[in-house]
Amino acid sequence: MASAMAKLYASEAAAEITREAMRVLGGAGYIADYQVERLHREALLYL
């Protein structure tokens, strides 16, 4: 249960945090030159 909780919460948090980071960067967050675009795509795998 503990590991399932960790995986559940951390992966959902990563997806949300990377999405919010894209919003902070605005249009730049959607550009591949900025790390956040890749981070958000990668975070989705953990779901």
All heavy atoms as atom14 arrays in JSON, in Angstrom:
{
  "sequence": "MASAMAKLYASEAAAEITREAMRVLGGAGYIADYQVERLHREALLYL",
  "atom14_mask": [
    [1, 1, 1, 1, 1, 1, 1, 1, 0, 0, 0, 0, 0, 0],
    [1, 1, 1, 1, 1, 0, 0, 0, 0, 0, 0, 0, 0, 0],
    [1, 1, 1, 1, 1, 1, 0, 0, 0, 0, 0, 0, 0, 0],
    [1, 1, 1, 1, 1, 0, 0, 0, 0, 0, 0, 0, 0, 0],
    [1, 1, 1, 1, 1, 1, 1, 1, 0, 0, 0, 0, 0, 0],
    [1, 1, 1, 1, 1, 0, 0, 0, 0, 0, 0, 0, 0, 0],
    [1, 1, 1, 1, 1, 1, 1, 1, 1, 0, 0, 0, 0, 0],
    [1, 1, 1, 1, 1, 1, 1, 1, 0, 0, 0, 0, 0, 0],
    [1, 1, 1, 1, 1, 1, 1, 1, 1, 1, 1, 1, 0, 0],
    [1, 1, 1, 1, 1, 0, 0, 0, 0, 0, 0, 0, 0, 0],
    [1, 1, 1, 1, 1, 1, 0, 0, 0, 0, 0, 0, 0, 0],
    [1, 1, 1, 1, 1, 1, 1, 1, 1, 0, 0, 0, 0, 0],
    [1, 1, 1, 1, 1, 0, 0, 0, 0, 0, 0, 0, 0, 0],
    [1, 1, 1, 1, 1, 0, 0, 0, 0, 0, 0, 0, 0, 0],
    [1, 1, 1, 1, 1, 0, 0, 0, 0, 0, 0, 0, 0, 0],
    [1, 1, 1, 1, 1, 1, 1, 1, 1, 0, 0, 0, 0, 0],
    [1, 1, 1, 1, 1, 1, 1, 1, 0, 0, 0, 0, 0, 0],
    [1, 1, 1, 1, 1, 1, 1, 0, 0, 0, 0, 0, 0, 0],
    [1, 1, 1, 1, 1, 1, 1, 1, 1, 1, 1, 0, 0, 0],
    [1, 1, 1, 1, 1, 1, 1, 1, 1, 0, 0, 0, 0, 0],
    [1, 1, 1, 1, 1, 0, 0, 0, 0, 0, 0, 0, 0, 0],
    [1, 1, 1, 1, 1, 1, 1, 1, 0, 0, 0, 0, 0, 0],
    [1, 1, 1, 1, 1, 1, 1, 1, 1, 1, 1, 0, 0, 0],
    [1, 1, 1, 1, 1, 1, 1, 0, 0, 0, 0, 0, 0, 0],
    [1, 1, 1, 1, 1, 1, 1, 1, 0, 0, 0, 0, 0, 0],
    [1, 1, 1, 1, 0, 0, 0, 0, 0, 0, 0, 0, 0, 0],
    [1, 1, 1, 1, 0, 0, 0, 0, 0, 0, 0, 0, 0, 0],
    [1, 1, 1, 1, 1, 0, 0, 0, 0, 0, 0, 0, 0, 0],
    [1, 1, 1, 1, 0, 0, 0, 0, 0, 0, 0, 0, 0, 0],
    [1, 1, 1, 1, 1, 1, 1, 1, 1, 1, 1, 1, 0, 0],
    [1, 1, 1, 1, 1, 1, 1, 1, 0, 0, 0, 0, 0, 0],
    [1, 1, 1, 1, 1, 0, 0, 0, 0, 0, 0, 0, 0, 0],
    [1, 1, 1, 1, 1, 1, 1, 1, 0, 0, 0, 0, 0, 0],
    [1, 1, 1, 1, 1, 1, 1, 1, 1, 1, 1, 1, 0, 0],
    [1, 1, 1, 1, 1, 1, 1, 1, 1, 0, 0, 0, 0, 0],
    [1, 1, 1, 1, 1, 1, 1, 0, 0, 0, 0, 0, 0, 0],
    [1, 1, 1, 1, 1, 1, 1, 1, 1, 0, 0, 0, 0, 0],
    [1, 1, 1, 1, 1, 1, 1, 1, 1, 1, 1, 0, 0, 0],
    [1, 1, 1, 1, 1, 1, 1, 1, 0, 0, 0, 0, 0, 0],
    [1, 1, 1, 1, 1, 1, 1, 1, 1, 1, 0, 0, 0, 0],
    [1, 1, 1, 1, 1, 1, 1, 1, 1, 1, 1, 0, 0, 0],
    [1, 1, 1, 1, 1, 1, 1, 1, 1, 0, 0, 0, 0, 0],
    [1, 1, 1, 1, 1, 0, 0, 0, 0, 0, 0, 0, 0, 0],
    [1, 1, 1, 1, 1, 1, 1, 1, 0, 0, 0, 0, 0, 0],
    [1, 1, 1, 1, 1, 1, 1, 1, 0, 0, 0, 0, 0, 0],
    [1, 1, 1, 1, 1, 1, 1, 1, 1, 1, 1, 1, 0, 0],
    [1, 1, 1, 1, 1, 1, 1, 1, 0, 0, 0, 0, 0, 0]
  ],
  "atom14_positions": [
    [[0.82, -1.2, 0.0], [0.0, 0.0, 0.0], [0.86, 1.26, 0.0], [0.57, 2.22, -0.72], [-0.95, 0.02, 1.2], [-1.84, 1.26, 1.25], [-3.3, 1.09, 2.31], [-2.55, 0.87, 3.92], [0.0, 0.0, 0.0], [0.0, 0.0, 0.0], [0.0, 0.0, 0.0], [0.0, 0.0, 0.0], [0.0, 0.0, 0.0], [0.0, 0.0, 0.0]],
    [[1.92, 1.26, 0.78], [2.76, 2.45, 0.87], [3.38, 2.79, -0.49], [3.42, 3.96, -0.9], [3.85, 2.24, 1.92], [0.0, 0.0, 0.0], [0.0, 0.0, 0.0], [0.0, 0.0, 0.0], [0.0, 0.0, 0.0], [0.0, 0.0, 0.0], [0.0, 0.0, 0.0], [0.0, 0.0, 0.0], [0.0, 0.0, 0.0], [0.0, 0.0, 0.0]],
    [[3.88, 1.78, -1.18], [4.51, 2.04, -2.49], [3.46, 2.43, -3.52], [3.73, 3.26, -4.4], [5.3, 0.82, -2.96], [4.46, -0.3, -3.16], [0.0, 0.0, 0.0], [0.0, 0.0, 0.0], [0.0, 0.0, 0.0], [0.0, 0.0, 0.0], [0.0, 0.0, 0.0], [0.0, 0.0, 0.0], [0.0, 0.0, 0.0], [0.0, 0.0, 0.0]],
    [[2.26, 1.84, -3.44], [1.19, 2.22, -4.36], [0.77, 3.67, -4.11], [0.51, 4.42, -5.06], [-0.01, 1.29, -4.19], [0.0, 0.0, 0.0], [0.0, 0.0, 0.0], [0.0, 0.0, 0.0], [0.0, 0.0, 0.0], [0.0, 0.0, 0.0], [0.0, 0.0, 0.0], [0.0, 0.0, 0.0], [0.0, 0.0, 0.0], [0.0, 0.0, 0.0]],
    [[0.68, 4.07, -2.85], [0.36, 5.47, -2.52], [1.42, 6.41, -3.06], [1.1, 7.47, -3.62], [0.23, 5.64, -1.01], [-1.03, 5.08, -0.4], [-1.05, 5.38, 1.39], [-2.75, 5.0, 1.77], [0.0, 0.0, 0.0], [0.0, 0.0, 0.0], [0.0, 0.0, 0.0], [0.0, 0.0, 0.0], [0.0, 0.0, 0.0], [0.0, 0.0, 0.0]],
    [[2.68, 6.04, -2.88], [3.77, 6.9, -3.34], [3.73, 7.05, -4.85], [3.84, 8.17, -5.39], [5.11, 6.31, -2.9], [0.0, 0.0, 0.0], [0.0, 0.0, 0.0], [0.0, 0.0, 0.0], [0.0, 0.0, 0.0], [0.0, 0.0, 0.0], [0.0, 0.0, 0.0], [0.0, 0.0, 0.0], [0.0, 0.0, 0.0], [0.0, 0.0, 0.0]],
    [[3.57, 5.94, -5.56], [3.53, 6.0, -7.01], [2.33, 6.79, -7.49], [2.44, 7.62, -8.4], [3.52, 4.57, -7.57], [3.76, 4.5, -9.08], [2.48, 4.63, -9.87], [2.75, 4.63, -11.36], [1.52, 4.85, -12.15], [0.0, 0.0, 0.0], [0.0, 0.0, 0.0], [0.0, 0.0, 0.0], [0.0, 0.0, 0.0], [0.0, 0.0, 0.0]],
    [[1.18, 6.56, -6.88], [-0.04, 7.28, -7.25], [0.13, 8.78, -7.04], [-0.08, 9.58, -7.96], [-1.22, 6.75, -6.43], [-2.52, 7.57, -6.47], [-3.12, 7.56, -7.86], [-3.51, 7.02, -5.44], [0.0, 0.0, 0.0], [0.0, 0.0, 0.0], [0.0, 0.0, 0.0], [0.0, 0.0, 0.0], [0.0, 0.0, 0.0], [0.0, 0.0, 0.0]],
    [[0.52, 9.16, -5.85], [0.57, 10.59, -5.53], [1.69, 11.3, -6.29], [1.5, 12.38, -6.85], [0.75, 10.81, -4.02], [0.61, 12.27, -3.67], [-0.63, 12.83, -3.45], [1.73, 13.1, -3.61], [-0.77, 14.18, -3.16], [1.61, 14.44, -3.34], [0.35, 14.98, -3.11], [0.23, 16.33, -2.85], [0.0, 0.0, 0.0], [0.0, 0.0, 0.0]],
    [[2.87, 10.69, -6.31], [4.01, 11.36, -6.94], [3.8, 11.52, -8.44], [4.15, 12.56, -9.02], [5.3, 10.59, -6.67], [0.0, 0.0, 0.0], [0.0, 0.0, 0.0], [0.0, 0.0, 0.0], [0.0, 0.0, 0.0], [0.0, 0.0, 0.0], [0.0, 0.0, 0.0], [0.0, 0.0, 0.0], [0.0, 0.0, 0.0], [0.0, 0.0, 0.0]],
    [[3.23, 10.53, -9.09], [3.02, 10.64, -10.53], [1.96, 11.68, -10.86], [2.11, 12.46, -11.81], [2.64, 9.28, -11.13], [1.42, 8.8, -10.59], [0.0, 0.0, 0.0], [0.0, 0.0, 0.0], [0.0, 0.0, 0.0], [0.0, 0.0, 0.0], [0.0, 0.0, 0.0], [0.0, 0.0, 0.0], [0.0, 0.0, 0.0], [0.0, 0.0, 0.0]],
    [[0.88, 11.71, -10.08], [-0.14, 12.73, -10.31], [0.42, 14.12, -10.03], [0.13, 15.09, -10.75], [-1.36, 12.46, -9.42], [-2.1, 11.17, -9.74], [-2.91, 11.23, -11.02], [-3.06, 12.34, -11.58], [-3.4, 10.16, -11.46], [0.0, 0.0, 0.0], [0.0, 0.0, 0.0], [0.0, 0.0, 0.0], [0.0, 0.0, 0.0], [0.0, 0.0, 0.0]],
    [[1.24, 14.23, -8.99], [1.86, 15.52, -8.66], [2.79, 15.97, -9.78], [2.81, 17.16, -10.15], [2.62, 15.42, -7.34], [0.0, 0.0, 0.0], [0.0, 0.0, 0.0], [0.0, 0.0, 0.0], [0.0, 0.0, 0.0], [0.0, 0.0, 0.0], [0.0, 0.0, 0.0], [0.0, 0.0, 0.0], [0.0, 0.0, 0.0], [0.0, 0.0, 0.0]],
    [[3.57, 15.05, -10.34], [4.49, 15.41, -11.41], [3.74, 15.89, -12.64], [4.13, 16.88, -13.28], [5.37, 14.22, -11.78], [0.0, 0.0, 0.0], [0.0, 0.0, 0.0], [0.0, 0.0, 0.0], [0.0, 0.0, 0.0], [0.0, 0.0, 0.0], [0.0, 0.0, 0.0], [0.0, 0.0, 0.0], [0.0, 0.0, 0.0], [0.0, 0.0, 0.0]],
    [[2.64, 15.21, -12.98], [1.85, 15.64, -14.13], [1.29, 17.03, -13.91], [1.3, 17.88, -14.81], [0.72, 14.64, -14.39], [0.0, 0.0, 0.0], [0.0, 0.0, 0.0], [0.0, 0.0, 0.0], [0.0, 0.0, 0.0], [0.0, 0.0, 0.0], [0.0, 0.0, 0.0], [0.0, 0.0, 0.0], [0.0, 0.0, 0.0], [0.0, 0.0, 0.0]],
    [[0.81, 17.29, -12.7], [0.23, 18.6, -12.39], [1.3, 19.69, -12.32], [1.11, 20.79, -12.84], [-0.53, 18.52, -11.07], [-1.24, 19.81, -10.67], [-2.37, 20.19, -11.61], [-2.85, 19.31, -12.36], [-2.76, 21.37, -11.61], [0.0, 0.0, 0.0], [0.0, 0.0, 0.0], [0.0, 0.0, 0.0], [0.0, 0.0, 0.0], [0.0, 0.0, 0.0]],
    [[2.41, 19.39, -11.68], [3.47, 20.39, -11.52], [4.07, 20.76, -12.87], [4.32, 21.95, -13.15], [4.55, 19.88, -10.55], [3.98, 19.86, -9.12], [5.81, 20.75, -10.61], [4.87, 19.12, -8.13], [0.0, 0.0, 0.0], [0.0, 0.0, 0.0], [0.0, 0.0, 0.0], [0.0, 0.0, 0.0], [0.0, 0.0, 0.0], [0.0, 0.0, 0.0]],
    [[4.3, 19.77, -13.73], [4.86, 20.1, -15.04], [3.85, 20.88, -15.89], [4.24, 21.76, -16.66], [5.3, 18.83, -15.79], [4.21, 17.9, -15.88], [6.48, 18.16, -15.08], [0.0, 0.0, 0.0], [0.0, 0.0, 0.0], [0.0, 0.0, 0.0], [0.0, 0.0, 0.0], [0.0, 0.0, 0.0], [0.0, 0.0, 0.0], [0.0, 0.0, 0.0]],
    [[2.58, 20.57, -15.74], [1.56, 21.33, -16.47], [1.51, 22.78, -15.98], [1.43, 23.72, -16.78], [0.17, 20.69, -16.3], [-0.9, 21.35, -17.16], [-2.26, 20.75, -16.93], [-2.8, 21.12, -15.62], [-4.06, 20.88, -15.24], [-4.89, 20.26, -16.05], [-4.47, 21.24, -14.04], [0.0, 0.0, 0.0], [0.0, 0.0, 0.0], [0.0, 0.0, 0.0]],
    [[1.58, 22.96, -14.68], [1.57, 24.31, -14.12], [2.83, 25.07, -14.51], [2.79, 26.29, -14.72], [1.41, 24.25, -12.61], [0.05, 23.79, -12.13], [-1.06, 24.69, -12.66], [-1.15, 25.84, -12.21], [-1.83, 24.25, -13.54], [0.0, 0.0, 0.0], [0.0, 0.0, 0.0], [0.0, 0.0, 0.0], [0.0, 0.0, 0.0], [0.0, 0.0, 0.0]],
    [[3.95, 24.35, -14.6], [5.19, 25.01, -15.04], [5.03, 25.53, -16.47], [5.51, 26.63, -16.8], [6.36, 24.03, -14.96], [0.0, 0.0, 0.0], [0.0, 0.0, 0.0], [0.0, 0.0, 0.0], [0.0, 0.0, 0.0], [0.0, 0.0, 0.0], [0.0, 0.0, 0.0], [0.0, 0.0, 0.0], [0.0, 0.0, 0.0], [0.0, 0.0, 0.0]],
    [[4.36, 24.76, -17.33], [4.1, 25.24, -18.69], [3.29, 26.52, -18.66], [3.54, 27.45, -19.44], [3.34, 24.16, -19.48], [4.18, 22.95, -19.85], [3.23, 21.72, -20.79], [3.03, 22.61, -22.34], [0.0, 0.0, 0.0], [0.0, 0.0, 0.0], [0.0, 0.0, 0.0], [0.0, 0.0, 0.0], [0.0, 0.0, 0.0], [0.0, 0.0, 0.0]],
    [[2.33, 26.62, -17.76], [1.51, 27.82, -17.66], [2.31, 29.01, -17.15], [2.09, 30.15, -17.59], [0.31, 27.55, -16.75], [-0.71, 26.63, -17.37], [-1.86, 26.36, -16.44], [-2.97, 25.74, -17.14], [-4.08, 25.3, -16.56], [-4.21, 25.4, -15.24], [-5.04, 24.75, -17.27], [0.0, 0.0, 0.0], [0.0, 0.0, 0.0], [0.0, 0.0, 0.0]],
    [[3.23, 28.76, -16.23], [4.09, 29.84, -15.75], [4.92, 30.39, -16.89], [5.1, 31.6, -17.04], [4.99, 29.36, -14.59], [6.04, 30.42, -14.25], [4.14, 29.03, -13.36], [0.0, 0.0, 0.0], [0.0, 0.0, 0.0], [0.0, 0.0, 0.0], [0.0, 0.0, 0.0], [0.0, 0.0, 0.0], [0.0, 0.0, 0.0], [0.0, 0.0, 0.0]],
    [[5.43, 29.5, -17.74], [6.26, 29.93, -18.87], [5.44, 30.49, -20.03], [5.99, 31.11, -20.94], [7.12, 28.77, -19.37], [8.51, 28.62, -18.72], [8.39, 28.24, -17.26], [9.34, 27.59, -19.46], [0.0, 0.0, 0.0], [0.0, 0.0, 0.0], [0.0, 0.0, 0.0], [0.0, 0.0, 0.0], [0.0, 0.0, 0.0], [0.0, 0.0, 0.0]],
    [[4.13, 30.24, -20.0], [3.29, 30.72, -21.09], [3.65, 30.03, -22.39], [3.89, 28.82, -22.42], [0.0, 0.0, 0.0], [0.0, 0.0, 0.0], [0.0, 0.0, 0.0], [0.0, 0.0, 0.0], [0.0, 0.0, 0.0], [0.0, 0.0, 0.0], [0.0, 0.0, 0.0], [0.0, 0.0, 0.0], [0.0, 0.0, 0.0], [0.0, 0.0, 0.0]],
    [[3.72, 30.78, -23.49], [4.02, 30.19, -24.79], [5.36, 29.5, -24.82], [5.54, 28.5, -25.52], [0.0, 0.0, 0.0], [0.0, 0.0, 0.0], [0.0, 0.0, 0.0], [0.0, 0.0, 0.0], [0.0, 0.0, 0.0], [0.0, 0.0, 0.0], [0.0, 0.0, 0.0], [0.0, 0.0, 0.0], [0.0, 0.0, 0.0], [0.0, 0.0, 0.0]],
    [[6.32, 30.01, -24.04], [7.66, 29.4, -24.02], [7.6, 27.97, -23.47], [8.44, 27.13, -23.83], [8.6, 30.24, -23.17], [0.0, 0.0, 0.0], [0.0, 0.0, 0.0], [0.0, 0.0, 0.0], [0.0, 0.0, 0.0], [0.0, 0.0, 0.0], [0.0, 0.0, 0.0], [0.0, 0.0, 0.0], [0.0, 0.0, 0.0], [0.0, 0.0, 0.0]],
    [[6.62, 27.7, -22.62], [6.52, 26.37, -22.03], [6.13, 25.3, -23.02], [6.26, 24.1, -22.74], [0.0, 0.0, 0.0], [0.0, 0.0, 0.0], [0.0, 0.0, 0.0], [0.0, 0.0, 0.0], [0.0, 0.0, 0.0], [0.0, 0.0, 0.0], [0.0, 0.0, 0.0], [0.0, 0.0, 0.0], [0.0, 0.0, 0.0], [0.0, 0.0, 0.0]],
    [[5.63, 25.72, -24.19], [5.2, 24.78, -25.22], [6.28, 24.57, -26.28], [6.1, 23.79, -27.21], [3.91, 25.3, -25.87], [3.11, 24.26, -26.6], [2.47, 23.23, -25.92], [2.98, 24.31, -27.99], [1.73, 22.28, -26.58], [2.24, 23.35, -28.68], [1.62, 22.34, -27.97], [0.88, 21.39, -28.64], [0.0, 0.0, 0.0], [0.0, 0.0, 0.0]],
    [[7.38, 25.27, -26.12], [8.47, 25.22, -27.09], [9.52, 24.21, -26.65], [9.9, 24.17, -25.47], [9.13, 26.62, -27.23], [8.08, 27.65, -27.66], [10.29, 26.56, -28.22], [7.41, 27.35, -28.98], [0.0, 0.0, 0.0], [0.0, 0.0, 0.0], [0.0, 0.0, 0.0], [0.0, 0.0, 0.0], [0.0, 0.0, 0.0], [0.0, 0.0, 0.0]],
    [[9.98, 23.39, -27.58], [10.91, 22.31, -27.24], [12.24, 22.84, -26.7], [12.95, 22.11, -26.01], [11.15, 21.43, -28.46], [0.0, 0.0, 0.0], [0.0, 0.0, 0.0], [0.0, 0.0, 0.0], [0.0, 0.0, 0.0], [0.0, 0.0, 0.0], [0.0, 0.0, 0.0], [0.0, 0.0, 0.0], [0.0, 0.0, 0.0], [0.0, 0.0, 0.0]],
    [[12.59, 24.08, -27.01], [13.85, 24.64, -26.51], [13.86, 24.75, -24.99], [14.92, 24.8, -24.37], [14.1, 26.03, -27.11], [14.46, 25.95, -28.59], [14.71, 24.84, -29.07], [14.47, 27.0, -29.26], [0.0, 0.0, 0.0], [0.0, 0.0, 0.0], [0.0, 0.0, 0.0], [0.0, 0.0, 0.0], [0.0, 0.0, 0.0], [0.0, 0.0, 0.0]],
    [[12.67, 24.8, -24.41], [12.57, 24.91, -22.96], [12.32, 23.51, -22.38], [11.55, 22.73, -22.91], [11.44, 25.86, -22.55], [11.77, 27.31, -22.81], [11.59, 27.87, -24.06], [12.29, 28.11, -21.8], [11.89, 29.2, -24.3], [12.6, 29.44, -22.03], [12.41, 29.98, -23.28], [12.72, 31.3, -23.51], [0.0, 0.0, 0.0], [0.0, 0.0, 0.0]],
    [[12.97, 23.22, -21.29], [12.95, 21.89, -20.7], [11.56, 21.44, -20.29], [11.25, 20.24, -20.3], [13.88, 21.9, -19.47], [14.15, 20.55, -18.85], [15.06, 20.66, -17.65], [15.45, 21.76, -17.24], [15.41, 19.53, -17.07], [0.0, 0.0, 0.0], [0.0, 0.0, 0.0], [0.0, 0.0, 0.0], [0.0, 0.0, 0.0], [0.0, 0.0, 0.0]],
    [[10.7, 22.38, -19.96], [9.38, 22.03, -19.41], [8.55, 21.22, -20.4], [7.81, 20.31, -20.01], [8.63, 23.3, -18.97], [7.16, 23.02, -18.72], [9.28, 23.86, -17.71], [0.0, 0.0, 0.0], [0.0, 0.0, 0.0], [0.0, 0.0, 0.0], [0.0, 0.0, 0.0], [0.0, 0.0, 0.0], [0.0, 0.0, 0.0], [0.0, 0.0, 0.0]],
    [[8.65, 21.51, -21.68], [7.88, 20.77, -22.68], [8.2, 19.28, -22.61], [7.3, 18.43, -22.63], [8.19, 21.34, -24.08], [7.47, 20.65, -25.23], [8.27, 19.49, -25.82], [9.49, 19.42, -25.58], [7.65, 18.66, -26.51], [0.0, 0.0, 0.0], [0.0, 0.0, 0.0], [0.0, 0.0, 0.0], [0.0, 0.0, 0.0], [0.0, 0.0, 0.0]],
    [[9.48, 18.96, -22.52], [9.87, 17.55, -22.4], [9.45, 16.97, -21.06], [8.96, 15.83, -20.99], [11.38, 17.41, -22.57], [11.9, 16.01, -22.23], [13.37, 15.85, -22.53], [14.24, 16.76, -21.81], [14.65, 16.55, -20.55], [14.24, 15.5, -19.87], [15.47, 17.42, -19.97], [0.0, 0.0, 0.0], [0.0, 0.0, 0.0], [0.0, 0.0, 0.0]],
    [[9.63, 17.72, -20.0], [9.28, 17.22, -18.67], [7.82, 16.85, -18.57], [7.45, 15.84, -17.96], [9.63, 18.27, -17.6], [11.12, 18.56, -17.41], [11.31, 19.75, -16.47], [11.85, 17.34, -16.88], [0.0, 0.0, 0.0], [0.0, 0.0, 0.0], [0.0, 0.0, 0.0], [0.0, 0.0, 0.0], [0.0, 0.0, 0.0], [0.0, 0.0, 0.0]],
    [[6.95, 17.66, -19.19], [5.53, 17.36, -19.11], [5.2, 16.08, -19.87], [4.42, 15.23, -19.4], [4.7, 18.52, -19.66], [3.22, 18.32, -19.5], [2.65, 18.04, -18.28], [2.21, 18.34, -20.39], [1.34, 17.9, -18.42], [1.06, 18.07, -19.7], [0.0, 0.0, 0.0], [0.0, 0.0, 0.0], [0.0, 0.0, 0.0], [0.0, 0.0, 0.0]],
    [[5.81, 15.89, -21.04], [5.57, 14.66, -21.79], [6.04, 13.44, -21.02], [5.38, 12.4, -21.0], [6.27, 14.72, -23.15], [5.6, 15.64, -24.16], [6.25, 15.53, -25.54], [7.57, 16.15, -25.61], [8.72, 15.49, -25.66], [8.73, 14.16, -25.64], [9.88, 16.13, -25.73], [0.0, 0.0, 0.0], [0.0, 0.0, 0.0], [0.0, 0.0, 0.0]],
    [[7.18, 13.57, -20.38], [7.72, 12.44, -19.63], [6.91, 12.16, -18.37], [6.73, 10.99, -17.99], [9.19, 12.7, -19.29], [10.07, 12.7, -20.54], [11.52, 13.06, -20.25], [11.81, 13.58, -19.17], [12.36, 12.81, -21.14], [0.0, 0.0, 0.0], [0.0, 0.0, 0.0], [0.0, 0.0, 0.0], [0.0, 0.0, 0.0], [0.0, 0.0, 0.0]],
    [[6.4, 13.2, -17.73], [5.61, 13.0, -16.51], [4.38, 12.16, -16.77], [3.93, 11.39, -15.9], [5.21, 14.36, -15.92], [0.0, 0.0, 0.0], [0.0, 0.0, 0.0], [0.0, 0.0, 0.0], [0.0, 0.0, 0.0], [0.0, 0.0, 0.0], [0.0, 0.0, 0.0], [0.0, 0.0, 0.0], [0.0, 0.0, 0.0], [0.0, 0.0, 0.0]],
    [[3.83, 12.26, -17.97], [2.6, 11.52, -18.27], [2.82, 10.01, -18.26], [1.88, 9.26, -17.97], [2.04, 11.97, -19.63], [1.63, 13.45, -19.72], [1.12, 13.77, -21.11], [0.57, 13.79, -18.67], [0.0, 0.0, 0.0], [0.0, 0.0, 0.0], [0.0, 0.0, 0.0], [0.0, 0.0, 0.0], [0.0, 0.0, 0.0], [0.0, 0.0, 0.0]],
    [[4.03, 9.56, -18.57], [4.29, 8.13, -18.53], [4.08, 7.56, -17.14], [3.59, 6.44, -16.97], [5.72, 7.83, -18.99], [6.15, 6.36, -18.82], [5.35, 5.45, -19.73], [7.63, 6.19, -19.07], [0.0, 0.0, 0.0], [0.0, 0.0, 0.0], [0.0, 0.0, 0.0], [0.0, 0.0, 0.0], [0.0, 0.0, 0.0], [0.0, 0.0, 0.0]],
    [[4.46, 8.34, -16.13], [4.38, 7.83, -14.76], [2.94, 7.59, -14.32], [2.7, 6.87, -13.34], [5.07, 8.81, -13.8], [6.54, 8.99, -14.1], [7.11, 10.26, -14.16], [7.37, 7.89, -14.33], [8.46, 10.43, -14.43], [8.71, 8.06, -14.61], [9.25, 9.32, -14.66], [10.59, 9.49, -14.94], [0.0, 0.0, 0.0], [0.0, 0.0, 0.0]],
    [[1.97, 8.15, -15.02], [0.57, 7.9, -14.69], [0.16, 6.48, -15.04], [-0.77, 5.93, -14.44], [-0.35, 8.89, -15.43], [-0.13, 10.37, -15.16], [-1.06, 11.2, -16.05], [-0.37, 10.7, -13.69], [0.0, 0.0, 0.0], [0.0, 0.0, 0.0], [0.0, 0.0, 0.0], [0.0, 0.0, 0.0], [0.0, 0.0, 0.0], [0.0, 0.0, 0.0]]
  ]
}
